[in-house]
Amino acid sequence: MSATVQSHTLPERVGRSQGPHAQVGARVGWAARVSLKWWFGVLCVGAWLLLASKGEPVPRRESVLAVAEVARPFSGSGRVLSAEGTPVSGASVTLQSPDGDAWYERAVTQPDGRFTFRQVPPHFRVLARHDLGEVRSPVLDADELVETRSDPLILVLVAPVEFTGSVVDSKGDAVAHAQLSLSPAGSNPEARDVSTVRSWATSDEQGRFGLIAPAPGEYLVKLWAPGFVPREMLVQLSGAFDSERFELSPFSDVRGVVVNPDGRPLANAVVLACDGATELVTAADGGFVLPVSTVGCTAVAHHPEFSASPAAVIRGGHGLRLQLSSGGAVRGLVTDPSGGFAPDVEVQVTEYRPAEDAYAFPIERFSQTRRVLREFRLGSLAPGTYSLRAFRRGDDEGSGSLAVDVEGIVVQAGATTRGVHVVVPATESSE
């Protein structure tokens, strides 16, 4: 029996010596101590997580606490790097709407490539531009940018693409002085204007051109040359250098007609096209034919009895109708020195200086002489400044005539100039 007792452990000996009640109490105390230690460990872990998140709740990922990353909204700051990964100073960074049709704020990068916006909208794009290249971010949501251990937004510039090529006609001959523009293909077609064009070029005498695309991608090229059908093409630029050969189709000659304010065809009207580089006179039926080289220019019609027509764009494959506007008039009075009737007086235009942008007709186009009694009216005159001459012809034996000149009479379109008074000296017989 004694060997068996010595084989018991110390707790068993104590239990056995103190009875069943003492044994149960010892077990309860041990369990309480283990439970306190477990809860103390949980509280320590919770306190550490609360400090790490700065008072913000920690998100769960697949029912596991995300301890390594802490969510926070976009702070409005970032960095611009070159393609080699070095910071870019002096880059222009624009905070834009998702469609790129409006901008909220602009910033310039610091020597370390950093930029900061004061306020960030919920949805936006960011565009960075520099001589080294350009980069445009996708549409971003400020709440989704939650990185912590790096800058919230890193923009890496993409080197520009040099886009070269040539412009030729249907025969393969070079087309000089063709105009080309390069725009992002993703621009809204209804909102495309000069502000969306990223590069302009004019082909040289050999038809060669050079455009610069800010980055690889799809672009819209618009091509126009006098006398040729305009073209719009989508091009995909991928490398640092791209080349393309564009072919243009020629227009045919453009036919048109000049009409008066009432819509009737008018002969002997002057038509000017391409800022006066082309000039022609209408036929008896008011018709005219412009050479194909004038397509894309504007045309204006002039006549000594009317105001000029509005400028119209010459379009290949379309007829042209130029309608003149009403001219002006001059009303006046012819008397002798006493204010009495001056018989046998005639009035004519002796000088014409055209108004601004009007055609300088020769004085022969105003050669009509009008006989007056006391009052006179010269109607249907092109706008400008006129000089008039009132004269009485000599007797049948051919003696000299008496003439009086009045200068500086201004005529405006659709208006009548009044108050012109011409005093003709009396003849010897009337005296």
Protein backbone atom coordinates (compact mmCIF):
# COMPACT_ATOMS: atom_id res chain seq x y z
CA MET A 1 0.00 0.00 0.00
CA SER A 2 2.78 2.43 0.80
CA ALA A 3 4.36 1.94 -2.66
CA THR A 4 1.08 2.76 -4.26
CA VAL A 5 0.62 5.97 -2.29
CA GLN A 6 4.09 7.21 -3.16
CA SER A 7 3.30 6.88 -6.80
CA HIS A 8 0.57 9.60 -6.62
CA THR A 9 1.37 13.14 -7.81
CA LEU A 10 1.36 16.07 -5.43
CA PRO A 11 -2.14 17.40 -6.33
CA GLU A 12 -3.56 13.96 -5.91
CA ARG A 13 -1.98 13.64 -2.55
CA VAL A 14 -3.28 16.98 -1.49
CA GLY A 15 -6.74 16.20 -2.79
CA ARG A 16 -6.88 12.99 -1.16
CA SER A 17 -5.68 14.41 2.11
CA GLN A 18 -8.15 17.40 1.98
CA GLY A 19 -11.30 15.72 0.74
CA PRO A 20 -13.59 16.10 -2.32
CA HIS A 21 -14.79 19.76 -1.76
CA ALA A 22 -11.28 21.17 -1.67
CA GLN A 23 -10.43 19.35 -4.87
CA VAL A 24 -13.30 20.98 -6.85
CA GLY A 25 -12.37 24.50 -5.69
CA ALA A 26 -8.84 24.11 -6.92
CA ARG A 27 -10.00 23.19 -10.40
CA VAL A 28 -12.36 26.22 -10.65
CA GLY A 29 -9.56 28.64 -9.70
CA TRP A 30 -7.26 27.29 -12.37
CA ALA A 31 -9.93 27.70 -15.11
CA ALA A 32 -10.61 31.31 -14.06
CA ARG A 33 -6.95 32.20 -14.34
CA VAL A 34 -6.74 30.76 -17.88
CA SER A 35 -9.91 32.64 -18.95
CA LEU A 36 -8.55 36.00 -17.68
CA LYS A 37 -5.33 35.55 -19.60
CA TRP A 38 -7.25 34.82 -22.88
CA TRP A 39 -9.47 37.92 -22.58
CA PHE A 40 -6.46 40.07 -21.72
CA GLY A 41 -4.79 38.90 -24.99
CA VAL A 42 -7.92 39.74 -27.02
CA LEU A 43 -8.07 43.25 -25.50
CA CYS A 44 -4.41 43.88 -26.38
CA VAL A 45 -4.94 42.85 -30.02
CA GLY A 46 -8.04 45.07 -30.26
CA ALA A 47 -6.20 48.07 -28.83
CA TRP A 48 -3.37 47.61 -31.30
CA LEU A 49 -5.77 47.44 -34.24
CA LEU A 50 -7.56 50.60 -33.08
CA LEU A 51 -4.32 52.56 -32.89
CA ALA A 52 -3.19 51.30 -36.31
CA SER A 53 -6.42 52.44 -37.98
CA LYS A 54 -6.34 55.87 -36.27
CA GLY A 55 -9.84 55.42 -34.96
CA GLU A 56 -11.30 54.19 -38.28
CA PRO A 57 -12.97 50.78 -38.67
CA VAL A 58 -10.84 48.03 -40.21
CA PRO A 59 -12.40 46.40 -43.27
CA ARG A 60 -12.75 42.68 -43.54
CA ARG A 61 -11.55 40.65 -46.49
CA GLU A 62 -13.12 37.20 -46.74
CA SER A 63 -13.95 37.26 -43.02
CA VAL A 64 -10.29 37.94 -42.13
CA LEU A 65 -9.18 41.27 -40.58
CA ALA A 66 -7.04 43.31 -43.02
CA VAL A 67 -4.20 44.30 -40.75
CA ALA A 68 -1.57 45.14 -43.40
CA GLU A 69 -3.62 47.78 -45.31
CA VAL A 70 -5.84 50.51 -43.89
CA ALA A 71 -8.56 52.15 -46.05
CA ARG A 72 -8.52 55.91 -46.56
CA PRO A 73 -9.92 58.20 -49.33
CA PHE A 74 -7.84 59.87 -52.06
CA SER A 75 -6.07 62.89 -50.54
CA GLY A 76 -5.70 64.76 -53.85
CA SER A 77 -1.94 64.28 -54.11
CA GLY A 78 0.27 62.20 -56.35
CA ARG A 79 3.46 62.09 -58.36
CA VAL A 80 4.44 62.32 -62.02
CA LEU A 81 7.31 60.13 -63.20
CA SER A 82 9.11 59.79 -66.51
CA ALA A 83 9.11 56.55 -68.48
CA GLU A 84 12.41 55.74 -66.73
CA GLY A 85 10.80 56.21 -63.30
CA THR A 86 12.46 59.50 -62.34
CA PRO A 87 10.41 62.41 -60.87
CA VAL A 88 9.30 65.05 -63.40
CA SER A 89 9.36 68.69 -62.33
CA GLY A 90 7.21 71.35 -64.00
CA ALA A 91 4.63 68.99 -65.47
CA SER A 92 1.12 70.38 -65.91
CA VAL A 93 -1.44 68.22 -64.10
CA THR A 94 -5.15 68.80 -64.73
CA LEU A 95 -8.08 67.45 -62.73
CA GLN A 96 -10.82 66.82 -65.31
CA SER A 97 -14.36 65.56 -65.58
CA PRO A 98 -14.73 61.88 -66.60
CA ASP A 99 -15.48 62.86 -70.21
CA GLY A 100 -12.57 65.32 -70.32
CA ASP A 101 -14.87 68.15 -71.46
CA ALA A 102 -14.32 70.26 -68.31
CA TRP A 103 -11.54 70.77 -65.81
CA TYR A 104 -11.74 71.53 -62.11
CA GLU A 105 -8.19 72.42 -61.10
CA ARG A 106 -4.65 72.60 -62.44
CA ALA A 107 -1.35 72.08 -60.66
CA VAL A 108 2.36 72.04 -61.51
CA THR A 109 4.62 69.31 -60.16
CA GLN A 110 7.36 70.09 -57.64
CA PRO A 111 11.02 69.04 -58.07
CA ASP A 112 10.16 65.64 -56.55
CA GLY A 113 7.32 65.18 -59.06
CA ARG A 114 4.59 65.72 -56.50
CA PHE A 115 1.33 67.56 -57.08
CA THR A 116 -1.68 68.31 -54.89
CA PHE A 117 -5.29 69.27 -55.64
CA ARG A 118 -7.27 71.25 -53.08
CA GLN A 119 -10.59 69.48 -53.64
CA VAL A 120 -11.40 66.27 -55.48
CA PRO A 121 -14.81 65.46 -57.03
CA PRO A 122 -16.32 61.98 -56.62
CA HIS A 123 -15.46 60.95 -60.21
CA PHE A 124 -12.62 62.37 -62.28
CA ARG A 125 -9.68 61.91 -64.60
CA VAL A 126 -6.16 63.25 -64.20
CA LEU A 127 -4.11 64.44 -67.18
CA ALA A 128 -0.37 65.12 -66.95
CA ARG A 129 1.56 66.88 -69.74
CA HIS A 130 5.23 67.61 -70.18
CA ASP A 131 7.79 67.86 -72.97
CA LEU A 132 8.71 64.28 -72.09
CA GLY A 133 5.21 63.06 -72.93
CA GLU A 134 1.67 62.82 -71.67
CA VAL A 135 -0.50 60.44 -69.68
CA ARG A 136 -4.24 60.39 -69.00
CA SER A 137 -5.64 58.28 -66.19
CA PRO A 138 -8.82 56.21 -66.55
CA VAL A 139 -11.98 57.44 -64.84
CA LEU A 140 -11.28 57.31 -61.10
CA ASP A 141 -13.43 57.22 -57.98
CA ALA A 142 -11.95 59.07 -55.00
CA ASP A 143 -13.32 56.46 -52.59
CA GLU A 144 -11.57 53.62 -54.40
CA LEU A 145 -8.04 55.03 -54.11
CA VAL A 146 -7.07 53.56 -50.73
CA GLU A 147 -3.33 52.85 -50.95
CA THR A 148 -1.35 53.83 -47.89
CA ARG A 149 2.32 53.02 -48.15
CA SER A 150 2.84 54.88 -51.46
CA ASP A 151 1.47 57.99 -53.16
CA PRO A 152 -2.26 57.68 -53.84
CA LEU A 153 -1.82 58.31 -57.57
CA ILE A 154 1.28 57.66 -59.69
CA LEU A 155 1.29 58.98 -63.28
CA VAL A 156 4.02 57.73 -65.61
CA LEU A 157 4.54 59.86 -68.74
CA VAL A 158 4.43 58.13 -72.10
CA ALA A 159 6.82 59.44 -74.77
CA PRO A 160 5.14 61.26 -77.69
CA VAL A 161 4.82 59.68 -81.12
CA GLU A 162 6.27 61.37 -84.20
CA PHE A 163 3.72 60.84 -86.98
CA THR A 164 5.03 61.60 -90.47
CA GLY A 165 3.88 60.87 -93.99
CA SER A 166 2.90 62.35 -97.34
CA VAL A 167 -0.19 63.62 -99.15
CA VAL A 168 -0.73 62.73 -102.82
CA ASP A 169 -3.52 63.00 -105.38
CA SER A 170 -5.20 60.15 -107.28
CA LYS A 171 -2.29 60.13 -109.77
CA GLY A 172 0.31 59.83 -107.03
CA ASP A 173 1.56 63.39 -107.41
CA ALA A 174 2.43 65.36 -104.29
CA VAL A 175 -0.21 67.74 -102.86
CA ALA A 176 1.42 70.83 -101.39
CA HIS A 177 -0.09 73.10 -98.73
CA ALA A 178 -2.54 70.47 -97.48
CA GLN A 179 -3.79 71.11 -93.95
CA LEU A 180 -3.77 68.29 -91.37
CA SER A 181 -4.97 68.13 -87.78
CA LEU A 182 -4.64 65.42 -85.13
CA SER A 183 -7.25 64.95 -82.36
CA PRO A 184 -7.95 62.21 -79.78
CA ALA A 185 -10.31 59.67 -81.33
CA GLY A 186 -12.33 59.43 -78.12
CA SER A 187 -13.48 63.08 -78.24
CA ASN A 188 -17.21 63.67 -78.45
CA PRO A 189 -17.91 64.30 -82.19
CA GLU A 190 -20.50 66.96 -81.31
CA ALA A 191 -18.02 68.83 -79.10
CA ARG A 192 -14.97 68.62 -81.37
CA ASP A 193 -13.50 72.03 -82.06
CA VAL A 194 -10.12 73.69 -82.26
CA SER A 195 -9.52 73.14 -78.52
CA THR A 196 -9.43 69.33 -79.02
CA VAL A 197 -6.78 69.46 -81.77
CA ARG A 198 -3.43 68.32 -80.44
CA SER A 199 -1.26 68.97 -83.51
CA TRP A 200 -1.41 70.93 -86.80
CA ALA A 201 0.68 70.51 -89.95
CA THR A 202 0.92 71.78 -93.54
CA SER A 203 2.39 69.62 -96.27
CA ASP A 204 5.45 70.98 -98.06
CA GLU A 205 6.11 71.14 -101.80
CA GLN A 206 6.80 67.39 -101.83
CA GLY A 207 3.56 66.69 -99.93
CA ARG A 208 5.42 65.69 -96.74
CA PHE A 209 4.04 66.45 -93.28
CA GLY A 210 4.88 65.88 -89.62
CA LEU A 211 2.50 65.62 -86.65
CA ILE A 212 3.17 64.95 -82.98
CA ALA A 213 0.85 62.68 -80.98
CA PRO A 214 1.20 63.08 -77.20
CA ALA A 215 1.09 59.31 -76.64
CA PRO A 216 0.36 56.07 -78.49
CA GLY A 217 -3.32 55.43 -79.17
CA GLU A 218 -6.12 56.01 -81.64
CA TYR A 219 -6.40 59.46 -83.24
CA LEU A 220 -8.60 61.27 -85.74
CA VAL A 221 -6.77 62.89 -88.67
CA LYS A 222 -8.57 65.60 -90.67
CA LEU A 223 -7.10 66.41 -94.07
CA TRP A 224 -8.05 69.24 -96.43
CA ALA A 225 -6.48 70.88 -99.47
CA PRO A 226 -7.85 73.39 -102.00
CA GLY A 227 -9.53 71.58 -104.86
CA PHE A 228 -9.75 68.20 -103.10
CA VAL A 229 -12.42 66.30 -101.18
CA PRO A 230 -11.75 66.62 -97.42
CA ARG A 231 -11.05 63.40 -95.52
CA GLU A 232 -11.34 62.19 -91.93
CA MET A 233 -9.46 59.05 -90.91
CA LEU A 234 -8.82 57.08 -87.73
CA VAL A 235 -5.19 56.06 -87.24
CA GLN A 236 -3.68 53.81 -84.60
CA LEU A 237 -0.27 55.04 -83.41
CA SER A 238 1.74 52.48 -81.49
CA GLY A 239 5.47 53.19 -81.65
CA ALA A 240 7.71 56.17 -81.23
CA PHE A 241 7.60 56.70 -85.02
CA ASP A 242 4.71 56.12 -87.42
CA SER A 243 4.23 56.98 -91.07
CA GLU A 244 1.22 57.13 -93.41
CA ARG A 245 0.50 58.03 -97.05
CA PHE A 246 -2.81 59.83 -97.60
CA GLU A 247 -4.50 60.13 -100.99
CA LEU A 248 -6.95 62.92 -101.89
CA SER A 249 -9.57 62.93 -104.64
CA PRO A 250 -10.03 66.12 -106.68
CA PHE A 251 -13.28 68.03 -106.93
CA SER A 252 -14.89 69.09 -110.22
CA ASP A 253 -15.46 72.73 -111.16
CA VAL A 254 -18.10 74.58 -109.14
CA ARG A 255 -20.98 76.28 -110.93
CA GLY A 256 -23.00 79.11 -109.44
CA VAL A 257 -25.32 82.03 -110.07
CA VAL A 258 -25.57 85.62 -108.79
CA VAL A 259 -29.03 87.09 -108.18
CA ASN A 260 -30.27 90.54 -107.13
CA PRO A 261 -32.19 91.17 -103.87
CA ASP A 262 -35.40 90.08 -105.62
CA GLY A 263 -33.85 86.76 -106.65
CA ARG A 264 -33.46 87.52 -110.37
CA PRO A 265 -30.19 86.52 -112.12
CA LEU A 266 -27.82 89.43 -112.56
CA ALA A 267 -25.30 89.91 -115.35
CA ASN A 268 -21.93 91.68 -115.05
CA ALA A 269 -21.60 91.01 -111.32
CA VAL A 270 -18.07 90.44 -110.04
CA VAL A 271 -17.38 87.22 -108.10
CA LEU A 272 -14.29 87.07 -105.88
CA ALA A 273 -13.05 83.77 -104.45
CA CYS A 274 -10.19 82.83 -102.12
CA ASP A 275 -9.71 86.39 -100.82
CA GLY A 276 -9.61 87.85 -104.33
CA ALA A 277 -7.16 85.34 -105.78
CA THR A 278 -9.85 84.33 -108.28
CA GLU A 279 -12.01 86.99 -109.98
CA LEU A 280 -14.64 86.56 -112.68
CA VAL A 281 -17.74 88.29 -114.13
CA THR A 282 -21.16 86.67 -114.43
CA ALA A 283 -22.71 85.94 -117.81
CA ALA A 284 -26.03 87.27 -119.10
CA ASP A 285 -27.91 84.61 -117.11
CA GLY A 286 -25.99 85.45 -113.92
CA GLY A 287 -24.04 82.20 -114.08
CA PHE A 288 -20.34 81.61 -113.38
CA VAL A 289 -17.92 78.69 -113.04
CA LEU A 290 -15.21 78.58 -110.38
CA PRO A 291 -12.13 76.37 -110.83
CA VAL A 292 -11.75 73.32 -108.64
CA SER A 293 -8.79 74.96 -106.89
CA THR A 294 -11.23 77.30 -105.10
CA VAL A 295 -13.04 74.50 -103.23
CA GLY A 296 -12.84 75.17 -99.51
CA CYS A 297 -12.45 78.93 -100.01
CA THR A 298 -15.23 81.52 -99.72
CA ALA A 299 -16.86 83.49 -102.54
CA VAL A 300 -18.50 86.95 -102.52
CA ALA A 301 -20.44 88.72 -105.28
CA HIS A 302 -20.31 92.50 -105.92
CA HIS A 303 -22.22 94.86 -108.20
CA PRO A 304 -22.13 98.68 -108.52
CA GLU A 305 -25.87 98.93 -107.86
CA PHE A 306 -26.08 96.69 -104.77
CA SER A 307 -24.36 95.73 -101.55
CA ALA A 308 -22.14 92.67 -101.58
CA SER A 309 -23.57 89.21 -100.99
CA PRO A 310 -22.77 87.31 -97.79
CA ALA A 311 -19.64 85.17 -98.09
CA ALA A 312 -20.39 81.55 -99.01
CA VAL A 313 -18.13 78.52 -98.65
CA ILE A 314 -17.28 76.86 -101.97
CA ARG A 315 -18.04 73.16 -101.61
CA GLY A 316 -17.16 70.50 -104.10
CA GLY A 317 -20.14 68.84 -105.76
CA HIS A 318 -22.52 71.65 -104.68
CA GLY A 319 -23.84 74.60 -106.67
CA LEU A 320 -23.35 78.11 -105.36
CA ARG A 321 -26.00 80.86 -105.18
CA LEU A 322 -24.86 84.37 -104.23
CA GLN A 323 -27.62 86.89 -103.52
CA LEU A 324 -26.78 90.59 -103.41
CA SER A 325 -28.24 92.93 -100.78
CA SER A 326 -29.87 96.32 -101.30
CA GLY A 327 -27.61 99.26 -102.04
CA GLY A 328 -27.93 102.88 -100.92
CA ALA A 329 -29.16 106.14 -102.45
CA VAL A 330 -28.47 109.90 -102.53
CA ARG A 331 -31.17 112.58 -102.49
CA GLY A 332 -30.38 116.25 -103.09
CA LEU A 333 -31.40 119.66 -104.38
CA VAL A 334 -30.07 121.70 -107.32
CA THR A 335 -30.63 125.48 -107.38
CA ASP A 336 -29.10 128.67 -108.69
CA PRO A 337 -27.33 131.03 -106.23
CA SER A 338 -30.63 132.69 -105.28
CA GLY A 339 -32.22 129.34 -104.46
CA GLY A 340 -34.37 129.41 -107.54
CA PHE A 341 -34.84 126.94 -110.30
CA ALA A 342 -31.73 126.01 -112.29
CA PRO A 343 -32.77 124.71 -115.69
CA ASP A 344 -31.07 122.11 -117.90
CA VAL A 345 -28.91 120.59 -115.11
CA GLU A 346 -27.58 117.03 -115.18
CA VAL A 347 -25.92 115.00 -112.36
CA GLN A 348 -23.41 112.19 -112.61
CA VAL A 349 -20.94 110.25 -110.42
CA THR A 350 -17.34 111.31 -110.95
CA GLU A 351 -15.52 109.38 -108.20
CA TYR A 352 -16.14 106.23 -106.10
CA ARG A 353 -14.19 104.97 -103.10
CA PRO A 354 -15.51 101.59 -101.89
CA ALA A 355 -16.53 100.89 -98.34
CA GLU A 356 -14.47 98.42 -96.29
CA ASP A 357 -14.45 94.93 -97.86
CA ALA A 358 -16.31 96.26 -100.94
CA TYR A 359 -15.10 95.93 -104.52
CA ALA A 360 -13.43 98.97 -106.14
CA PHE A 361 -15.48 99.33 -109.28
CA PRO A 362 -14.04 101.62 -111.98
CA ILE A 363 -15.87 104.90 -112.41
CA GLU A 364 -17.10 103.77 -115.82
CA ARG A 365 -19.54 101.43 -114.07
CA PHE A 366 -21.29 104.57 -112.71
CA SER A 367 -21.28 106.55 -115.98
CA GLN A 368 -25.03 107.01 -116.24
CA THR A 369 -25.98 110.71 -116.37
CA ARG A 370 -29.33 111.81 -114.97
CA ARG A 371 -31.17 115.01 -115.81
CA VAL A 372 -32.80 116.81 -112.87
CA LEU A 373 -35.22 119.70 -112.43
CA ARG A 374 -34.93 120.82 -108.82
CA GLU A 375 -34.61 117.65 -106.76
CA PHE A 376 -32.67 114.57 -107.73
CA ARG A 377 -32.22 111.01 -106.50
CA LEU A 378 -29.40 108.65 -107.36
CA GLY A 379 -30.52 105.18 -106.28
CA SER A 380 -29.05 101.66 -106.30
CA LEU A 381 -25.49 102.56 -105.35
CA ALA A 382 -22.93 100.26 -103.80
CA PRO A 383 -21.80 101.38 -100.31
CA GLY A 384 -18.88 103.80 -100.35
CA THR A 385 -17.92 107.46 -100.66
CA TYR A 386 -18.96 109.34 -103.79
CA SER A 387 -18.22 112.61 -105.60
CA LEU A 388 -20.98 114.11 -107.76
CA ARG A 389 -20.91 116.70 -110.51
CA ALA A 390 -23.83 118.93 -111.48
CA PHE A 391 -23.43 120.74 -114.82
CA ARG A 392 -25.31 122.70 -117.42
CA ARG A 393 -24.28 122.04 -120.98
CA GLY A 394 -23.24 124.90 -123.28
CA ASP A 395 -25.30 126.40 -126.07
CA ASP A 396 -25.61 124.94 -129.50
CA GLU A 397 -22.48 126.72 -130.68
CA GLY A 398 -20.33 124.55 -128.36
CA SER A 399 -19.42 127.03 -125.68
CA GLY A 400 -18.01 125.60 -122.43
CA SER A 401 -20.29 124.04 -119.78
CA LEU A 402 -20.75 125.14 -116.19
CA ALA A 403 -19.96 122.41 -113.61
CA VAL A 404 -20.04 122.12 -109.80
CA ASP A 405 -18.43 119.20 -107.90
CA VAL A 406 -19.63 117.90 -104.52
CA GLU A 407 -17.30 115.47 -102.71
CA GLY A 408 -17.37 113.19 -99.66
CA ILE A 409 -20.94 111.90 -99.94
CA VAL A 410 -21.12 108.69 -97.87
CA VAL A 411 -23.59 106.03 -98.98
CA GLN A 412 -24.47 103.11 -96.69
CA ALA A 413 -26.16 99.82 -97.52
CA GLY A 414 -29.94 100.05 -97.53
CA ALA A 415 -29.93 103.74 -96.51
CA THR A 416 -30.56 107.08 -98.25
CA THR A 417 -28.14 109.98 -97.80
CA ARG A 418 -30.08 113.26 -97.75
CA GLY A 419 -29.28 116.98 -97.58
CA VAL A 420 -26.98 117.28 -100.60
CA HIS A 421 -27.38 120.83 -102.02
CA VAL A 422 -25.74 121.75 -105.31
CA VAL A 423 -25.62 125.42 -106.33
CA VAL A 424 -25.15 125.92 -110.05
CA PRO A 425 -24.13 129.40 -111.25
CA ALA A 426 -26.68 131.17 -113.36
CA THR A 427 -26.06 131.57 -117.08
CA GLU A 428 -25.42 134.98 -118.59
CA SER A 429 -28.82 134.97 -120.24
CA SER A 430 -30.57 134.25 -116.94
CA GLU A 431 -28.69 137.01 -115.21
